[in-house]
N, C-alpha and C. Protein backbone atom coordinates (compact mmCIF):
# COMPACT_ATOMS: atom_id res chain seq x y z
N MET A 1 15.09 56.11 82.95
CA MET A 1 14.09 55.87 83.99
C MET A 1 13.33 54.72 83.76
N THR A 2 13.15 53.42 84.48
CA THR A 2 12.43 52.45 84.12
C THR A 2 11.06 52.47 84.16
N GLU A 3 10.14 52.43 83.44
CA GLU A 3 8.38 52.62 83.58
C GLU A 3 8.13 51.28 83.42
N THR A 4 6.81 51.06 84.37
CA THR A 4 6.29 49.75 84.33
C THR A 4 4.57 49.93 84.10
N GLY A 5 4.02 48.98 83.51
CA GLY A 5 2.90 48.85 83.26
C GLY A 5 2.22 47.51 83.41
N THR A 6 0.84 47.24 83.33
CA THR A 6 0.13 46.29 83.68
C THR A 6 -1.21 46.10 83.01
N CYS A 7 -1.74 44.84 83.22
CA CYS A 7 -3.22 44.58 82.76
C CYS A 7 -4.35 45.08 83.57
N LEU A 8 -5.51 44.55 83.64
CA LEU A 8 -6.42 45.16 84.26
C LEU A 8 -6.43 44.56 85.84
N CYS A 9 -5.88 43.16 85.83
CA CYS A 9 -6.29 42.45 86.95
C CYS A 9 -4.66 42.15 87.65
N GLY A 10 -3.48 42.73 86.69
CA GLY A 10 -2.20 42.72 87.61
C GLY A 10 -1.02 41.53 87.35
N GLN A 11 -2.07 40.33 86.54
CA GLN A 11 -1.20 39.20 86.38
C GLN A 11 -0.15 39.24 85.28
N LEU A 12 -0.62 40.37 84.29
CA LEU A 12 1.02 40.42 83.36
C LEU A 12 1.28 41.99 83.38
N THR A 13 2.31 42.13 83.75
CA THR A 13 3.64 43.54 83.94
C THR A 13 4.40 43.56 83.22
N TYR A 14 5.01 44.45 83.13
CA TYR A 14 5.80 44.96 81.90
C TYR A 14 6.87 45.74 82.21
N THR A 15 7.92 45.96 81.62
CA THR A 15 9.02 47.05 82.13
C THR A 15 9.49 47.83 80.69
N ILE A 16 9.56 49.12 80.86
CA ILE A 16 10.39 49.39 79.52
C ILE A 16 11.29 50.84 79.86
N THR A 17 12.21 51.14 79.36
CA THR A 17 12.88 52.10 79.19
C THR A 17 12.45 53.41 78.98
N ARG A 18 12.26 54.43 79.54
CA ARG A 18 11.74 55.73 79.12
C ARG A 18 12.36 56.16 77.91
N GLU A 19 13.86 55.91 78.27
CA GLU A 19 14.63 56.69 77.32
C GLU A 19 15.25 56.44 76.15
N LYS A 20 14.66 55.20 76.21
CA LYS A 20 14.80 53.88 74.63
C LYS A 20 13.45 54.04 74.03
N VAL A 21 12.09 54.32 74.48
CA VAL A 21 11.10 54.46 73.89
C VAL A 21 11.19 55.47 72.60
N ILE A 22 10.99 54.94 71.39
CA ILE A 22 11.41 55.60 69.85
C ILE A 22 10.48 56.72 69.63
N SER A 23 9.06 56.23 70.10
CA SER A 23 7.78 57.26 69.36
C SER A 23 6.28 56.85 69.99
N ALA A 24 5.37 57.69 70.01
CA ALA A 24 4.35 57.57 70.68
C ALA A 24 3.59 57.81 69.43
N HIS A 25 2.22 57.21 69.16
CA HIS A 25 1.29 57.38 67.95
C HIS A 25 -0.18 57.38 68.74
N HIS A 26 -1.16 57.80 67.49
CA HIS A 26 -2.36 57.19 67.95
C HIS A 26 -2.62 56.35 66.48
N CYS A 27 -2.90 55.24 66.66
CA CYS A 27 -3.47 54.60 65.46
C CYS A 27 -4.74 54.32 65.47
N HIS A 28 -5.02 54.74 64.04
CA HIS A 28 -6.76 54.64 63.83
C HIS A 28 -7.17 53.78 63.09
N CYS A 29 -6.57 52.37 62.59
CA CYS A 29 -6.75 51.23 61.93
C CYS A 29 -7.67 50.70 62.29
N LYS A 30 -8.43 49.81 61.59
CA LYS A 30 -9.46 49.14 61.99
C LYS A 30 -9.27 48.26 63.12
N ASP A 31 -7.92 47.55 62.67
CA ASP A 31 -7.90 46.21 64.12
C ASP A 31 -7.49 47.13 65.50
N CYS A 32 -6.84 48.30 65.28
CA CYS A 32 -7.12 48.92 66.52
C CYS A 32 -7.96 49.47 67.30
N GLN A 33 -9.03 49.76 66.41
CA GLN A 33 -10.38 50.08 66.93
C GLN A 33 -11.18 48.89 67.28
N ARG A 34 -11.26 47.95 66.63
CA ARG A 34 -11.78 46.61 67.49
C ARG A 34 -10.94 45.66 68.70
N VAL A 35 -9.54 46.22 68.94
CA VAL A 35 -9.19 45.90 69.80
C VAL A 35 -9.38 46.79 71.23
N THR A 36 -9.38 48.23 71.15
CA THR A 36 -9.56 48.97 71.63
C THR A 36 -11.02 48.90 72.30
N GLY A 37 -11.89 48.86 71.21
CA GLY A 37 -13.35 49.13 71.09
C GLY A 37 -13.77 50.56 71.27
N CYS A 38 -12.63 51.29 70.91
CA CYS A 38 -12.91 52.91 70.75
C CYS A 38 -12.18 53.49 69.47
N GLY A 39 -11.97 54.62 69.15
CA GLY A 39 -11.75 55.03 67.84
C GLY A 39 -10.13 55.17 67.15
N LYS A 40 -9.26 54.44 68.43
CA LYS A 40 -7.97 54.64 67.75
C LYS A 40 -7.06 53.84 69.11
N ALA A 41 -6.03 53.31 69.08
CA ALA A 41 -4.80 53.16 69.92
C ALA A 41 -3.93 54.10 70.32
N THR A 42 -3.50 54.53 71.25
CA THR A 42 -2.07 55.24 71.49
C THR A 42 -1.43 54.28 71.95
N ILE A 43 -0.26 54.32 71.30
CA ILE A 43 0.65 53.01 71.31
C ILE A 43 2.20 53.81 71.55
N LEU A 44 2.96 53.24 72.28
CA LEU A 44 4.38 53.45 72.10
C LEU A 44 5.45 52.36 71.31
N ILE A 45 6.33 53.09 70.52
CA ILE A 45 7.22 52.04 69.79
C ILE A 45 8.52 52.02 70.51
N VAL A 46 8.93 50.34 71.01
CA VAL A 46 10.06 50.53 71.81
C VAL A 46 10.82 49.25 70.94
N PRO A 47 12.08 49.33 71.48
CA PRO A 47 12.88 48.57 70.66
C PRO A 47 12.69 47.12 71.60
N SER A 48 12.54 45.93 70.93
CA SER A 48 12.32 44.54 71.62
C SER A 48 13.40 44.42 73.08
N GLU A 49 14.46 45.05 72.60
CA GLU A 49 15.52 44.55 73.71
C GLU A 49 15.20 45.48 75.01
N ASP A 50 14.18 46.44 74.74
CA ASP A 50 14.32 47.52 76.18
C ASP A 50 12.73 47.25 76.61
N PHE A 51 11.92 46.07 76.34
CA PHE A 51 10.81 45.51 76.46
C PHE A 51 11.05 44.18 77.43
N SER A 52 10.83 43.96 78.56
CA SER A 52 10.55 42.91 79.21
C SER A 52 9.17 42.66 79.97
N TYR A 53 8.72 41.41 80.05
CA TYR A 53 7.39 41.33 80.87
C TYR A 53 7.33 39.74 81.64
N GLU A 54 6.44 39.92 82.64
CA GLU A 54 6.54 38.89 83.43
C GLU A 54 5.01 38.55 83.78
N GLY A 55 4.53 37.30 83.83
CA GLY A 55 3.20 36.91 83.52
C GLY A 55 3.22 36.19 82.63
N GLU A 56 2.11 35.41 82.58
CA GLU A 56 1.69 35.00 81.47
C GLU A 56 0.93 35.56 80.38
N ALA A 57 1.15 35.42 78.85
CA ALA A 57 0.58 36.63 77.82
C ALA A 57 0.03 35.33 77.08
N ALA A 58 -1.28 35.56 76.55
CA ALA A 58 -1.28 35.31 75.13
C ALA A 58 -1.38 35.63 74.11
N ARG A 59 -1.66 34.87 73.17
CA ARG A 59 -1.23 35.84 71.91
C ARG A 59 -2.40 35.11 70.84
N HIS A 60 -2.72 36.37 69.87
CA HIS A 60 -3.49 35.99 68.67
C HIS A 60 -2.78 36.75 67.88
N LEU A 61 -2.77 35.69 66.55
CA LEU A 61 -1.76 36.55 65.20
C LEU A 61 -3.24 37.22 64.09
N THR A 62 -2.88 37.94 63.90
CA THR A 62 -4.08 38.72 62.82
C THR A 62 -2.90 39.07 61.67
N LEU A 63 -3.90 39.20 60.28
CA LEU A 63 -3.32 39.95 59.22
C LEU A 63 -3.69 41.30 58.92
N GLY A 64 -2.74 42.17 59.48
CA GLY A 64 -3.05 43.54 59.03
C GLY A 64 -3.64 44.17 57.79
N THR A 65 -4.46 45.28 57.89
CA THR A 65 -4.68 45.69 56.52
C THR A 65 -3.43 45.65 55.20
N ASP A 66 -2.47 45.90 55.75
CA ASP A 66 -1.31 46.34 54.99
C ASP A 66 -0.53 44.85 54.62
N GLY A 67 -1.12 43.81 55.26
CA GLY A 67 -0.47 42.51 54.96
C GLY A 67 0.70 42.09 55.68
N GLY A 68 0.64 43.22 56.77
CA GLY A 68 1.85 42.29 58.15
C GLY A 68 1.12 41.65 58.81
N HIS A 69 1.63 40.56 59.46
CA HIS A 69 1.17 39.63 60.62
C HIS A 69 1.84 40.19 61.89
N VAL A 70 0.79 40.67 62.45
CA VAL A 70 0.74 41.12 63.93
C VAL A 70 0.21 40.28 64.83
N TRP A 71 1.39 39.72 65.86
CA TRP A 71 0.86 39.27 67.27
C TRP A 71 0.46 40.18 67.95
N ARG A 72 -0.52 39.67 68.34
CA ARG A 72 -1.47 40.78 69.55
C ARG A 72 -1.38 39.89 70.94
N GLU A 73 -0.67 40.20 71.89
CA GLU A 73 -0.36 39.65 73.19
C GLU A 73 -1.20 40.69 74.41
N PHE A 74 -1.97 39.36 74.88
CA PHE A 74 -2.89 39.94 76.29
C PHE A 74 -2.97 39.34 77.16
N CYS A 75 -3.45 39.64 78.35
CA CYS A 75 -3.97 38.79 79.43
C CYS A 75 -4.74 37.40 79.41
N PRO A 76 -4.31 36.37 79.54
CA PRO A 76 -5.54 35.28 79.41
C PRO A 76 -6.75 35.46 80.25
N THR A 77 -6.11 36.46 81.56
CA THR A 77 -7.00 36.20 82.62
C THR A 77 -8.45 37.25 82.49
N CYS A 78 -7.62 38.69 82.49
CA CYS A 78 -8.67 39.45 82.14
C CYS A 78 -8.87 40.09 80.61
N GLY A 79 -8.30 39.72 79.99
CA GLY A 79 -8.11 40.00 78.43
C GLY A 79 -7.55 41.61 77.90
N SER A 80 -7.01 41.91 78.54
CA SER A 80 -6.48 43.43 78.51
C SER A 80 -5.36 42.89 77.29
N GLN A 81 -5.58 44.04 76.30
CA GLN A 81 -4.30 44.22 75.27
C GLN A 81 -3.36 45.05 75.82
N ILE A 82 -2.01 44.49 75.77
CA ILE A 82 -0.87 45.15 76.35
C ILE A 82 0.12 45.58 75.45
N PHE A 83 0.69 44.40 74.61
CA PHE A 83 1.38 44.74 73.53
C PHE A 83 1.29 43.89 72.16
N SER A 84 1.80 44.50 71.21
CA SER A 84 2.22 43.69 69.86
C SER A 84 3.34 43.57 69.27
N TYR A 85 3.52 42.99 68.61
CA TYR A 85 4.61 43.13 67.21
C TYR A 85 4.26 42.22 66.05
N MET A 86 5.46 43.01 65.13
CA MET A 86 4.93 42.48 63.64
C MET A 86 6.05 41.33 63.53
N GLU A 87 5.62 40.38 62.90
CA GLU A 87 6.60 39.45 62.31
C GLU A 87 7.68 39.96 61.44
N GLU A 88 7.21 40.46 60.63
CA GLU A 88 8.04 41.89 59.80
C GLU A 88 9.06 42.68 60.37
N THR A 89 8.77 43.20 61.46
CA THR A 89 9.71 43.67 62.49
C THR A 89 9.72 43.49 63.49
N PRO A 90 10.18 42.42 64.17
CA PRO A 90 10.22 41.86 65.71
C PRO A 90 11.17 42.49 66.49
N HIS A 91 11.72 43.27 65.99
CA HIS A 91 12.74 44.40 66.99
C HIS A 91 12.00 45.52 67.57
N PHE A 92 11.11 45.39 66.89
CA PHE A 92 9.89 46.53 67.95
C PHE A 92 9.12 45.97 68.72
N ARG A 93 8.33 46.33 69.56
CA ARG A 93 7.16 46.23 70.43
C ARG A 93 6.00 47.33 70.34
N PHE A 94 5.07 47.23 70.16
CA PHE A 94 3.98 48.30 70.14
C PHE A 94 3.17 47.96 71.56
N VAL A 95 3.74 49.30 72.44
CA VAL A 95 2.91 48.87 73.97
C VAL A 95 1.56 49.81 73.96
N LYS A 96 0.74 49.25 74.68
CA LYS A 96 -0.45 50.50 74.56
C LYS A 96 -0.29 51.34 75.85
N ALA A 97 -0.44 52.43 75.43
CA ALA A 97 -0.02 53.81 76.26
C ALA A 97 -0.85 53.76 77.79
N GLY A 98 -1.90 53.43 77.73
CA GLY A 98 -3.03 52.78 78.44
C GLY A 98 -2.74 52.07 79.64
N SER A 99 -1.75 51.40 79.55
CA SER A 99 -1.66 50.32 80.08
C SER A 99 -0.39 50.56 81.16
N LEU A 100 0.24 51.78 81.06
CA LEU A 100 1.30 52.74 81.96
C LEU A 100 1.01 52.62 82.93
N SER A 101 1.78 52.31 83.95
CA SER A 101 1.29 52.72 85.45
C SER A 101 1.06 54.26 85.52
N ASP A 102 1.84 55.12 84.76
CA ASP A 102 1.76 56.29 85.02
C ASP A 102 2.51 56.97 83.37
N SER A 103 1.26 57.21 82.83
CA SER A 103 1.67 57.77 81.26
C SER A 103 1.86 59.05 80.95
N SER A 104 2.01 60.02 82.17
CA SER A 104 1.80 61.14 82.13
C SER A 104 3.20 61.76 81.28
N TRP A 105 3.89 61.29 81.15
CA TRP A 105 5.24 61.69 80.29
C TRP A 105 5.01 61.39 78.73
N VAL A 106 4.48 60.47 78.37
CA VAL A 106 3.71 59.97 77.02
C VAL A 106 3.43 61.37 76.00
N GLU A 107 4.29 61.79 74.94
CA GLU A 107 4.04 62.73 74.23
C GLU A 107 3.73 61.85 72.44
N VAL A 108 2.41 62.02 72.42
CA VAL A 108 2.54 61.73 70.94
C VAL A 108 2.73 62.91 70.20
N SER A 109 3.40 61.89 68.74
CA SER A 109 4.01 62.77 67.91
C SER A 109 3.28 62.53 66.47
N SER A 110 2.09 61.53 66.43
CA SER A 110 1.82 61.36 65.08
C SER A 110 0.34 60.62 65.00
N ASN A 111 -0.35 60.55 63.93
CA ASN A 111 -1.58 59.50 63.76
C ASN A 111 -0.98 59.03 62.53
N PHE A 112 -1.37 57.58 62.47
CA PHE A 112 -1.10 56.43 62.00
C PHE A 112 -2.87 55.84 61.28
N TRP A 113 -2.68 55.75 60.11
CA TRP A 113 -3.98 55.27 59.28
C TRP A 113 -5.27 56.27 59.68
N THR A 114 -4.78 57.16 59.15
CA THR A 114 -5.88 58.43 58.98
C THR A 114 -6.86 58.19 58.18
N CYS A 115 -6.78 57.39 57.06
CA CYS A 115 -7.93 57.00 56.26
C CYS A 115 -8.79 56.08 56.75
N SER A 116 -8.69 55.78 58.06
CA SER A 116 -9.58 54.84 58.76
C SER A 116 -10.31 55.69 60.16
N ALA A 117 -9.97 56.66 60.19
CA ALA A 117 -10.61 57.33 61.46
C ALA A 117 -12.11 57.68 61.24
N GLU A 118 -12.68 57.27 62.41
CA GLU A 118 -14.13 57.44 62.51
C GLU A 118 -14.34 58.98 62.54
N PRO A 119 -15.56 59.41 62.19
CA PRO A 119 -16.14 61.06 62.40
C PRO A 119 -16.19 61.10 63.83
N TRP A 120 -16.56 60.25 64.65
CA TRP A 120 -17.00 60.24 65.92
C TRP A 120 -15.43 60.09 66.78
N SER A 121 -14.27 59.77 66.16
CA SER A 121 -13.31 59.79 66.90
C SER A 121 -12.24 60.32 66.07
N PRO A 122 -12.01 61.52 65.55
CA PRO A 122 -11.54 62.39 64.79
C PRO A 122 -9.90 62.42 64.73
N VAL A 123 -9.08 62.52 63.93
CA VAL A 123 -7.73 62.75 63.99
C VAL A 123 -7.62 64.04 64.62
N ASP A 124 -6.34 63.84 65.12
CA ASP A 124 -5.87 65.17 65.91
C ASP A 124 -5.19 65.85 64.90
N GLU A 125 -5.82 66.81 64.32
CA GLU A 125 -5.20 67.54 63.55
C GLU A 125 -3.72 68.07 64.05
N VAL A 126 -3.79 68.91 65.15
CA VAL A 126 -2.36 69.26 64.98
C VAL A 126 -1.47 68.34 65.25
N LEU A 127 -1.43 66.94 64.95
CA LEU A 127 -0.40 66.37 64.83
C LEU A 127 -0.04 65.74 63.47
N PRO A 128 0.88 65.87 62.72
CA PRO A 128 1.27 65.19 61.94
C PRO A 128 0.60 63.85 61.28
N GLY A 129 -0.23 63.45 60.45
CA GLY A 129 -0.52 62.04 60.23
C GLY A 129 -0.23 61.31 58.87
N VAL A 130 -0.34 60.01 58.85
CA VAL A 130 -0.19 59.43 57.64
C VAL A 130 -1.81 58.31 57.33
N GLU A 131 -1.66 58.32 56.06
CA GLU A 131 -2.94 57.14 55.53
C GLU A 131 -2.69 56.10 55.83
N ARG A 132 -1.64 55.40 55.84
CA ARG A 132 -1.22 53.86 56.59
C ARG A 132 -0.25 53.75 57.31
N ASN A 133 0.38 52.64 57.51
CA ASN A 133 1.47 52.30 58.12
C ASN A 133 2.50 53.26 57.33
N PRO A 134 3.33 53.84 58.21
CA PRO A 134 5.10 54.57 57.84
C PRO A 134 5.97 53.41 57.88
N GLY A 135 6.86 53.42 57.03
CA GLY A 135 8.00 52.42 57.07
C GLY A 135 8.66 52.60 58.34
N LEU A 136 8.95 51.40 59.19
CA LEU A 136 9.51 51.59 60.22
C LEU A 136 11.41 51.12 60.08
């Protein structure tokens, strides 16, 4: 089943195949907190070959806490963060679940970067968690 998503203004849209989504996670790293303006980002891990987008995407390279080179892609018009990828693992895209047109089917399986979780946005203790990035 094909799923779609969009930025706030609708200029940047994307398509993924639901069955190809590897997993969904809450990431509590400081970068995700800064990008979202809240305590975590909920992300889908999708094979790059099963992700496509239309419209213009601006990019910003950051050095992650674990040393990875993370390209964060966003709408240049409204600034919505939509997806990212790491230079070290270009075969995966990390898609923000909140940008999906319908996210009701998403099942979060774990928490990443639990060591960075803020007390005002605690880790979901029902889900397993790892202190930092797991190996992909």
